[in-house]
Amino acid sequence: MALFPKALGQLRPTDMNAATLYTKGQSTVAYLDQLYICNTTASPTTYRVFVDADGSTYDQETALWYDFPLGANTTHTYALKSYLLAEGSTVGVRAGTGSAITFTLFGEEVHG
């Protein structure tokens, strides 16, 4: 079966609360390929990225990056190269400044 890259999620949080960027659906295998984190403001800020294998608990136990610094007008790119296998797995994000950061996740889904 062919895999086709696509945007799995895109989010610009308006506040500093953790939010779900992507949720793996039922009977789906998700391959997370690239994550782009872009600060669209002239001020530095921070971000958090989480992966929770069985829900949406976004805290220190599920953190991949926690209060990671992001300079003004800067983009961080991550090659994730990982699978989400558990049904209901989520990727969560949090911006250190409301409306300052866009998060974009690319990958593939196989439905079966």
N, C-alpha and C. Protein backbone atom coordinates (compact mmCIF):
# COMPACT_ATOMS: atom_id res chain seq x y z
N MET A 1 0.84 -1.17 0.00
CA MET A 1 0.00 0.00 0.00
C MET A 1 0.89 1.24 0.00
N ALA A 2 0.60 2.19 -0.84
CA ALA A 2 1.39 3.41 -0.95
C ALA A 2 1.06 4.38 0.19
N LEU A 3 2.10 5.05 0.64
CA LEU A 3 1.94 6.09 1.65
C LEU A 3 2.13 7.45 0.99
N PHE A 4 1.28 8.38 1.33
CA PHE A 4 1.37 9.72 0.77
C PHE A 4 1.48 10.73 1.90
N PRO A 5 2.54 11.53 1.90
CA PRO A 5 2.69 12.54 2.95
C PRO A 5 1.55 13.55 2.91
N LYS A 6 1.17 14.01 4.09
CA LYS A 6 0.14 15.04 4.19
C LYS A 6 0.30 15.75 5.52
N ALA A 7 -0.36 16.87 5.64
CA ALA A 7 -0.39 17.58 6.92
C ALA A 7 -1.35 16.83 7.84
N LEU A 8 -0.84 16.33 8.94
CA LEU A 8 -1.68 15.64 9.91
C LEU A 8 -2.33 16.61 10.87
N GLY A 9 -1.69 17.75 11.06
CA GLY A 9 -2.26 18.75 11.96
C GLY A 9 -1.53 20.06 11.86
N GLN A 10 -2.27 21.14 12.09
CA GLN A 10 -1.68 22.48 12.11
C GLN A 10 -2.44 23.29 13.15
N LEU A 11 -1.69 23.99 13.99
CA LEU A 11 -2.33 24.69 15.11
C LEU A 11 -1.51 25.92 15.48
N ARG A 12 -2.20 27.00 15.80
CA ARG A 12 -1.59 28.21 16.36
C ARG A 12 -2.34 28.53 17.64
N PRO A 13 -1.83 28.02 18.77
CA PRO A 13 -2.54 28.23 20.04
C PRO A 13 -2.66 29.71 20.39
N THR A 14 -3.84 30.11 20.81
CA THR A 14 -4.08 31.51 21.17
C THR A 14 -3.77 31.79 22.63
N ASP A 15 -3.54 30.74 23.40
CA ASP A 15 -3.21 30.90 24.81
C ASP A 15 -2.03 29.99 25.16
N MET A 16 -1.75 29.87 26.44
CA MET A 16 -0.60 29.07 26.87
C MET A 16 -1.04 27.74 27.49
N ASN A 17 -2.16 27.19 27.03
CA ASN A 17 -2.62 25.88 27.47
C ASN A 17 -2.21 24.83 26.45
N ALA A 18 -1.91 23.64 26.92
CA ALA A 18 -1.59 22.54 26.00
C ALA A 18 -2.84 22.19 25.19
N ALA A 19 -2.61 21.87 23.91
CA ALA A 19 -3.71 21.54 23.01
C ALA A 19 -3.30 20.37 22.13
N THR A 20 -4.28 19.62 21.65
CA THR A 20 -4.01 18.47 20.79
C THR A 20 -3.78 18.93 19.36
N LEU A 21 -2.64 18.54 18.81
CA LEU A 21 -2.30 18.82 17.42
C LEU A 21 -2.78 17.71 16.51
N TYR A 22 -2.72 16.45 17.00
CA TYR A 22 -3.10 15.30 16.17
C TYR A 22 -3.56 14.17 17.07
N THR A 23 -4.60 13.46 16.63
CA THR A 23 -5.09 12.25 17.30
C THR A 23 -5.14 11.13 16.30
N LYS A 24 -4.52 10.00 16.62
CA LYS A 24 -4.53 8.84 15.74
C LYS A 24 -5.90 8.20 15.77
N GLY A 25 -6.46 7.97 14.62
CA GLY A 25 -7.80 7.41 14.51
C GLY A 25 -7.85 5.89 14.72
N GLN A 26 -9.05 5.36 14.72
CA GLN A 26 -9.27 3.94 14.85
C GLN A 26 -8.80 3.22 13.59
N SER A 27 -8.26 2.02 13.76
CA SER A 27 -7.80 1.18 12.65
C SER A 27 -6.84 1.92 11.74
N THR A 28 -6.00 2.75 12.33
CA THR A 28 -5.04 3.55 11.57
C THR A 28 -3.65 3.35 12.15
N VAL A 29 -2.67 3.29 11.29
CA VAL A 29 -1.28 3.38 11.71
C VAL A 29 -0.79 4.73 11.21
N ALA A 30 -0.23 5.52 12.10
CA ALA A 30 0.24 6.85 11.74
C ALA A 30 1.76 6.89 11.81
N TYR A 31 2.35 7.42 10.76
CA TYR A 31 3.79 7.62 10.70
C TYR A 31 4.05 9.11 10.77
N LEU A 32 4.72 9.53 11.84
CA LEU A 32 5.03 10.95 12.03
C LEU A 32 6.37 11.23 11.38
N ASP A 33 6.37 12.15 10.44
CA ASP A 33 7.57 12.40 9.66
C ASP A 33 8.28 13.68 10.08
N GLN A 34 7.66 14.83 9.89
CA GLN A 34 8.29 16.11 10.16
C GLN A 34 7.39 16.98 11.04
N LEU A 35 8.03 17.70 11.97
CA LEU A 35 7.32 18.67 12.80
C LEU A 35 8.01 20.02 12.61
N TYR A 36 7.23 21.04 12.25
CA TYR A 36 7.73 22.40 12.09
C TYR A 36 7.13 23.26 13.20
N ILE A 37 7.98 24.02 13.87
CA ILE A 37 7.54 24.92 14.93
C ILE A 37 8.07 26.30 14.58
N CYS A 38 7.16 27.23 14.31
CA CYS A 38 7.54 28.54 13.78
C CYS A 38 7.07 29.66 14.70
N ASN A 39 8.02 30.47 15.16
CA ASN A 39 7.70 31.67 15.93
C ASN A 39 7.47 32.80 14.94
N THR A 40 6.26 33.29 14.87
CA THR A 40 5.90 34.32 13.89
C THR A 40 5.99 35.73 14.47
N THR A 41 6.60 35.87 15.63
CA THR A 41 6.68 37.19 16.27
C THR A 41 8.14 37.66 16.38
N ALA A 42 8.30 38.91 16.77
CA ALA A 42 9.63 39.51 16.92
C ALA A 42 10.20 39.32 18.33
N SER A 43 9.56 38.47 19.14
CA SER A 43 10.02 38.20 20.50
C SER A 43 10.32 36.72 20.68
N PRO A 44 11.37 36.38 21.41
CA PRO A 44 11.62 34.97 21.70
C PRO A 44 10.54 34.41 22.61
N THR A 45 10.35 33.09 22.54
CA THR A 45 9.38 32.42 23.39
C THR A 45 9.86 30.98 23.62
N THR A 46 9.00 30.16 24.15
CA THR A 46 9.31 28.75 24.39
C THR A 46 8.16 27.90 23.88
N TYR A 47 8.39 26.58 23.80
CA TYR A 47 7.33 25.66 23.43
C TYR A 47 7.51 24.32 24.12
N ARG A 48 6.43 23.56 24.09
CA ARG A 48 6.43 22.18 24.59
C ARG A 48 5.77 21.31 23.53
N VAL A 49 6.27 20.07 23.41
CA VAL A 49 5.67 19.07 22.52
C VAL A 49 5.54 17.78 23.32
N PHE A 50 4.39 17.14 23.19
CA PHE A 50 4.08 15.93 23.96
C PHE A 50 3.60 14.82 23.03
N VAL A 51 3.85 13.58 23.42
CA VAL A 51 3.21 12.42 22.78
C VAL A 51 2.68 11.56 23.91
N ASP A 52 1.37 11.34 23.89
CA ASP A 52 0.73 10.49 24.89
C ASP A 52 0.16 9.27 24.18
N ALA A 53 0.67 8.11 24.51
CA ALA A 53 0.31 6.87 23.82
C ALA A 53 -1.13 6.44 24.06
N ASP A 54 -1.78 6.96 25.10
CA ASP A 54 -3.14 6.49 25.37
C ASP A 54 -4.09 7.61 25.79
N GLY A 55 -3.85 8.80 25.29
CA GLY A 55 -4.77 9.88 25.63
C GLY A 55 -4.18 11.25 25.40
N SER A 56 -4.57 12.19 26.25
CA SER A 56 -4.11 13.57 26.07
C SER A 56 -3.68 14.18 27.39
N THR A 57 -2.83 13.45 28.12
CA THR A 57 -2.23 13.99 29.33
C THR A 57 -0.92 14.63 28.94
N TYR A 58 -0.90 15.94 28.90
CA TYR A 58 0.27 16.67 28.44
C TYR A 58 0.98 17.27 29.66
N ASP A 59 1.96 16.53 30.14
CA ASP A 59 2.73 16.97 31.30
C ASP A 59 4.18 16.49 31.14
N GLN A 60 4.95 16.58 32.19
CA GLN A 60 6.37 16.22 32.12
C GLN A 60 6.59 14.75 31.77
N GLU A 61 5.64 13.89 32.08
CA GLU A 61 5.80 12.46 31.77
C GLU A 61 5.65 12.15 30.29
N THR A 62 4.97 12.99 29.54
CA THR A 62 4.74 12.73 28.12
C THR A 62 5.47 13.74 27.23
N ALA A 63 6.35 14.54 27.81
CA ALA A 63 7.02 15.61 27.07
C ALA A 63 8.17 15.08 26.21
N LEU A 64 8.26 15.60 24.98
CA LEU A 64 9.43 15.40 24.13
C LEU A 64 10.35 16.62 24.23
N TRP A 65 9.76 17.82 24.20
CA TRP A 65 10.48 19.08 24.41
C TRP A 65 9.67 19.87 25.41
N TYR A 66 10.36 20.41 26.42
CA TYR A 66 9.67 21.09 27.52
C TYR A 66 10.29 22.46 27.74
N ASP A 67 9.53 23.50 27.53
CA ASP A 67 9.99 24.89 27.64
C ASP A 67 11.26 25.13 26.84
N PHE A 68 11.28 24.59 25.63
CA PHE A 68 12.41 24.72 24.73
C PHE A 68 12.41 26.12 24.12
N PRO A 69 13.54 26.82 24.13
CA PRO A 69 13.56 28.19 23.61
C PRO A 69 13.46 28.25 22.09
N LEU A 70 12.73 29.26 21.61
CA LEU A 70 12.56 29.50 20.18
C LEU A 70 12.72 30.99 19.93
N GLY A 71 13.75 31.35 19.17
CA GLY A 71 14.05 32.75 18.92
C GLY A 71 12.98 33.44 18.09
N ALA A 72 13.06 34.75 18.08
CA ALA A 72 12.14 35.56 17.29
C ALA A 72 12.26 35.22 15.81
N ASN A 73 11.12 35.12 15.14
CA ASN A 73 11.08 34.85 13.69
C ASN A 73 11.94 33.65 13.29
N THR A 74 11.84 32.58 14.06
CA THR A 74 12.66 31.39 13.87
C THR A 74 11.78 30.16 13.72
N THR A 75 12.26 29.19 12.94
CA THR A 75 11.56 27.92 12.79
C THR A 75 12.48 26.77 13.20
N HIS A 76 11.95 25.86 14.01
CA HIS A 76 12.64 24.61 14.32
C HIS A 76 11.98 23.50 13.51
N THR A 77 12.80 22.62 12.96
CA THR A 77 12.30 21.48 12.18
C THR A 77 12.83 20.20 12.80
N TYR A 78 11.94 19.24 13.00
CA TYR A 78 12.33 17.96 13.59
C TYR A 78 11.91 16.82 12.66
N ALA A 79 12.84 15.93 12.38
CA ALA A 79 12.53 14.70 11.66
C ALA A 79 12.19 13.65 12.73
N LEU A 80 10.92 13.35 12.86
CA LEU A 80 10.46 12.46 13.94
C LEU A 80 10.69 10.99 13.61
N LYS A 81 10.34 10.58 12.41
CA LYS A 81 10.55 9.20 11.96
C LYS A 81 10.05 8.18 12.98
N SER A 82 8.81 8.32 13.37
CA SER A 82 8.26 7.40 14.37
C SER A 82 6.80 7.08 14.07
N TYR A 83 6.33 5.98 14.64
CA TYR A 83 4.96 5.51 14.44
C TYR A 83 4.14 5.73 15.70
N LEU A 84 2.87 6.01 15.51
CA LEU A 84 1.89 5.95 16.60
C LEU A 84 1.04 4.72 16.34
N LEU A 85 1.08 3.76 17.22
CA LEU A 85 0.37 2.52 17.00
C LEU A 85 -0.89 2.41 17.85
N ALA A 86 -0.86 2.91 19.07
CA ALA A 86 -2.00 2.76 19.98
C ALA A 86 -3.16 3.65 19.55
N GLU A 87 -4.34 3.07 19.55
CA GLU A 87 -5.54 3.84 19.22
C GLU A 87 -5.72 4.97 20.23
N GLY A 88 -6.01 6.15 19.76
CA GLY A 88 -6.19 7.29 20.65
C GLY A 88 -4.90 8.00 21.02
N SER A 89 -3.77 7.59 20.48
CA SER A 89 -2.51 8.30 20.74
C SER A 89 -2.63 9.73 20.23
N THR A 90 -2.01 10.65 20.95
CA THR A 90 -2.09 12.05 20.56
C THR A 90 -0.73 12.72 20.58
N VAL A 91 -0.63 13.78 19.79
CA VAL A 91 0.50 14.69 19.84
C VAL A 91 -0.06 16.01 20.34
N GLY A 92 0.53 16.53 21.41
CA GLY A 92 0.07 17.78 21.98
C GLY A 92 1.16 18.84 21.91
N VAL A 93 0.75 20.09 21.95
CA VAL A 93 1.69 21.21 21.88
C VAL A 93 1.25 22.30 22.84
N ARG A 94 2.23 23.14 23.19
CA ARG A 94 1.94 24.30 24.04
C ARG A 94 2.91 25.40 23.68
N ALA A 95 2.42 26.60 23.48
CA ALA A 95 3.25 27.76 23.20
C ALA A 95 3.48 28.54 24.49
N GLY A 96 4.68 29.10 24.62
CA GLY A 96 5.00 29.91 25.79
C GLY A 96 4.38 31.30 25.73
N THR A 97 3.93 31.70 24.56
CA THR A 97 3.26 32.98 24.34
C THR A 97 2.07 32.74 23.40
N GLY A 98 0.91 33.19 23.79
CA GLY A 98 -0.28 33.00 22.97
C GLY A 98 -0.17 33.66 21.61
N SER A 99 -0.62 32.96 20.59
CA SER A 99 -0.66 33.42 19.19
C SER A 99 0.72 33.72 18.60
N ALA A 100 1.78 33.15 19.18
CA ALA A 100 3.13 33.43 18.70
C ALA A 100 3.71 32.30 17.84
N ILE A 101 3.20 31.10 18.00
CA ILE A 101 3.83 29.93 17.37
C ILE A 101 2.82 29.15 16.55
N THR A 102 3.25 28.69 15.38
CA THR A 102 2.46 27.72 14.63
C THR A 102 3.18 26.38 14.67
N PHE A 103 2.41 25.33 14.86
CA PHE A 103 2.91 23.95 14.87
C PHE A 103 2.31 23.24 13.67
N THR A 104 3.14 22.61 12.85
CA THR A 104 2.65 21.87 11.69
C THR A 104 3.30 20.49 11.69
N LEU A 105 2.47 19.45 11.66
CA LEU A 105 2.93 18.06 11.68
C LEU A 105 2.61 17.39 10.36
N PHE A 106 3.62 16.83 9.71
CA PHE A 106 3.45 16.08 8.47
C PHE A 106 3.72 14.62 8.73
N GLY A 107 3.03 13.76 7.99
CA GLY A 107 3.23 12.33 8.12
C GLY A 107 2.32 11.59 7.17
N GLU A 108 2.15 10.30 7.43
CA GLU A 108 1.30 9.46 6.63
C GLU A 108 0.37 8.65 7.54
N GLU A 109 -0.77 8.31 7.01
CA GLU A 109 -1.71 7.42 7.70
C GLU A 109 -2.04 6.25 6.79
N VAL A 110 -2.10 5.07 7.38
CA VAL A 110 -2.56 3.89 6.67
C VAL A 110 -3.81 3.40 7.38
N HIS A 111 -4.90 3.35 6.66
CA HIS A 111 -6.17 2.91 7.23
C HIS A 111 -6.36 1.43 6.89
N GLY A 112 -6.78 0.68 7.90
CA GLY A 112 -6.94 -0.73 7.60
C GLY A 112 -7.90 -1.44 8.46
